[in-house]
Amino acid sequence: MLIATIRPAEKHTATAEGTEIPELRAKLIAEAPDGWEMVSAHVEMKPGGIRIVTGKFQRRDEPREIEAEDMAALEAKLPNGWQMLSVRTA
């Protein structure tokens, strides 16, 4: 018997445009659905002090476990949009 620890691996991208980085960061975070965290941000400068910030978000729900007899069966049980973090034998 194998037991896998899994978590969501979905990703979301949002963009904000303005002049002040703290305001842009706040705008991006406000757009994130519950349970999502901003994992990176890329800033692009435009003429006139305008900044375009693209934030990348990932779901960070609590991990859970799934069980199966072998690796192929574990992979078949992995829900869409989830990733395996570890596998151990029972």
C-alpha atoms as a PDB file:
ATOM      1  CA  MET A   1       0.000   0.000   0.000  1.00  0.00           C
ATOM      2  CA  LEU A   2       1.280   3.467  -0.937  1.00  0.00           C
ATOM      3  CA  ILE A   3       0.206   6.748   0.631  1.00  0.00           C
ATOM      4  CA  ALA A   4       0.772  10.045  -1.185  1.00  0.00           C
ATOM      5  CA  THR A   5       0.603  13.531   0.283  1.00  0.00           C
ATOM      6  CA  ILE A   6      -0.951  15.870  -2.284  1.00  0.00           C
ATOM      7  CA  ARG A   7      -1.872  19.552  -2.591  1.00  0.00           C
ATOM      8  CA  PRO A   8      -3.463  21.797  -5.207  1.00  0.00           C
ATOM      9  CA  ALA A   9      -1.125  23.047  -7.934  1.00  0.00           C
ATOM     10  CA  GLU A  10      -3.471  25.422  -9.742  1.00  0.00           C
ATOM     11  CA  LYS A  11      -2.066  28.756 -10.880  1.00  0.00           C
ATOM     12  CA  HIS A  12      -3.607  32.175 -11.553  1.00  0.00           C
ATOM     13  CA  THR A  13      -2.096  35.369 -12.994  1.00  0.00           C
ATOM     14  CA  ALA A  14      -3.286  38.941 -12.456  1.00  0.00           C
ATOM     15  CA  THR A  15      -1.977  42.280 -13.742  1.00  0.00           C
ATOM     16  CA  ALA A  16      -2.163  45.774 -12.271  1.00  0.00           C
ATOM     17  CA  GLU A  17      -0.990  49.097 -13.714  1.00  0.00           C
ATOM     18  CA  GLY A  18      -0.077  52.272 -11.831  1.00  0.00           C
ATOM     19  CA  THR A  19       2.809  54.233 -10.355  1.00  0.00           C
ATOM     20  CA  GLU A  20       3.240  53.052  -6.757  1.00  0.00           C
ATOM     21  CA  ILE A  21       4.472  49.510  -6.038  1.00  0.00           C
ATOM     22  CA  PRO A  22       2.686  49.167  -2.630  1.00  0.00           C
ATOM     23  CA  GLU A  23      -0.657  50.129  -4.239  1.00  0.00           C
ATOM     24  CA  LEU A  24      -0.109  47.738  -7.132  1.00  0.00           C
ATOM     25  CA  ARG A  25       0.768  44.902  -4.749  1.00  0.00           C
ATOM     26  CA  ALA A  26      -2.401  45.582  -2.736  1.00  0.00           C
ATOM     27  CA  LYS A  27      -4.490  45.538  -5.947  1.00  0.00           C
ATOM     28  CA  LEU A  28      -3.014  42.195  -6.976  1.00  0.00           C
ATOM     29  CA  ILE A  29      -3.537  40.607  -3.559  1.00  0.00           C
ATOM     30  CA  ALA A  30      -7.157  41.867  -3.512  1.00  0.00           C
ATOM     31  CA  GLU A  31      -7.767  39.963  -6.774  1.00  0.00           C
ATOM     32  CA  ALA A  32      -6.510  36.651  -5.347  1.00  0.00           C
ATOM     33  CA  PRO A  33      -9.229  34.124  -4.519  1.00  0.00           C
ATOM     34  CA  ASP A  34      -9.367  32.767  -0.945  1.00  0.00           C
ATOM     35  CA  GLY A  35      -6.670  30.173  -0.301  1.00  0.00           C
ATOM     36  CA  TRP A  36      -4.357  31.569  -2.988  1.00  0.00           C
ATOM     37  CA  GLU A  37      -0.958  33.205  -2.340  1.00  0.00           C
ATOM     38  CA  MET A  38       1.130  35.444  -4.555  1.00  0.00           C
ATOM     39  CA  VAL A  39       4.325  33.491  -5.264  1.00  0.00           C
ATOM     40  CA  SER A  40       6.030  35.961  -7.603  1.00  0.00           C
ATOM     41  CA  ALA A  41       5.631  39.363  -9.222  1.00  0.00           C
ATOM     42  CA  HIS A  42       7.251  40.852 -12.301  1.00  0.00           C
ATOM     43  CA  VAL A  43       7.453  44.633 -12.738  1.00  0.00           C
ATOM     44  CA  GLU A  44       7.708  46.264 -16.154  1.00  0.00           C
ATOM     45  CA  MET A  45       8.493  49.980 -16.449  1.00  0.00           C
ATOM     46  CA  LYS A  46       6.826  52.211 -19.030  1.00  0.00           C
ATOM     47  CA  PRO A  47       7.533  55.846 -19.895  1.00  0.00           C
ATOM     48  CA  GLY A  48       6.110  58.388 -17.457  1.00  0.00           C
ATOM     49  CA  GLY A  49       6.738  56.295 -14.334  1.00  0.00           C
ATOM     50  CA  ILE A  50       3.975  53.824 -15.127  1.00  0.00           C
ATOM     51  CA  ARG A  51       4.576  50.312 -13.842  1.00  0.00           C
ATOM     52  CA  ILE A  52       2.846  47.138 -14.927  1.00  0.00           C
ATOM     53  CA  VAL A  53       3.023  44.377 -12.326  1.00  0.00           C
ATOM     54  CA  THR A  54       2.102  40.801 -13.162  1.00  0.00           C
ATOM     55  CA  GLY A  55       1.518  38.649 -10.104  1.00  0.00           C
ATOM     56  CA  LYS A  56       1.482  34.865 -10.149  1.00  0.00           C
ATOM     57  CA  PHE A  57      -0.684  33.088  -7.590  1.00  0.00           C
ATOM     58  CA  GLN A  58      -0.949  29.467  -6.467  1.00  0.00           C
ATOM     59  CA  ARG A  59      -3.466  27.667  -4.314  1.00  0.00           C
ATOM     60  CA  ARG A  60      -2.063  26.786  -0.904  1.00  0.00           C
ATOM     61  CA  ASP A  61      -4.813  24.668   0.624  1.00  0.00           C
ATOM     62  CA  GLU A  62      -3.957  22.136   3.298  1.00  0.00           C
ATOM     63  CA  PRO A  63      -2.349  18.974   1.936  1.00  0.00           C
ATOM     64  CA  ARG A  64      -4.290  15.720   2.083  1.00  0.00           C
ATOM     65  CA  GLU A  65      -3.500  12.057   1.559  1.00  0.00           C
ATOM     66  CA  ILE A  66      -4.597   9.460  -0.966  1.00  0.00           C
ATOM     67  CA  GLU A  67      -3.914   5.710  -0.881  1.00  0.00           C
ATOM     68  CA  ALA A  68      -3.487   3.026  -3.540  1.00  0.00           C
ATOM     69  CA  GLU A  69      -1.845  -0.339  -4.114  1.00  0.00           C
ATOM     70  CA  ASP A  70       0.812   0.875  -6.566  1.00  0.00           C
ATOM     71  CA  MET A  71       2.205   4.041  -8.173  1.00  0.00           C
ATOM     72  CA  ALA A  72       0.065   3.780 -11.304  1.00  0.00           C
ATOM     73  CA  ALA A  73      -3.090   3.579  -9.173  1.00  0.00           C
ATOM     74  CA  LEU A  74      -1.912   6.558  -7.065  1.00  0.00           C
ATOM     75  CA  GLU A  75      -1.336   8.638 -10.193  1.00  0.00           C
ATOM     76  CA  ALA A  76      -4.798   7.680 -11.469  1.00  0.00           C
ATOM     77  CA  LYS A  77      -6.332   8.903  -8.185  1.00  0.00           C
ATOM     78  CA  LEU A  78      -4.552  12.281  -8.298  1.00  0.00           C
ATOM     79  CA  PRO A  79      -7.236  14.933  -8.888  1.00  0.00           C
ATOM     80  CA  ASN A  80      -6.841  17.346 -11.801  1.00  0.00           C
ATOM     81  CA  GLY A  81      -4.910  20.452 -10.725  1.00  0.00           C
ATOM     82  CA  TRP A  82      -3.159  18.663  -7.812  1.00  0.00           C
ATOM     83  CA  GLN A  83       0.446  17.549  -7.358  1.00  0.00           C
ATOM     84  CA  MET A  84       2.096  14.794  -5.329  1.00  0.00           C
ATOM     85  CA  LEU A  85       4.480  16.071  -2.673  1.00  0.00           C
ATOM     86  CA  SER A  86       5.652  12.728  -1.294  1.00  0.00           C
ATOM     87  CA  VAL A  87       4.930   8.998  -1.388  1.00  0.00           C
ATOM     88  CA  ARG A  88       5.500   6.482   1.394  1.00  0.00           C
ATOM     89  CA  THR A  89       4.657   2.862   2.038  1.00  0.00           C
ATOM     90  CA  ALA A  90       2.093   1.893   4.668  1.00  0.00           C
END
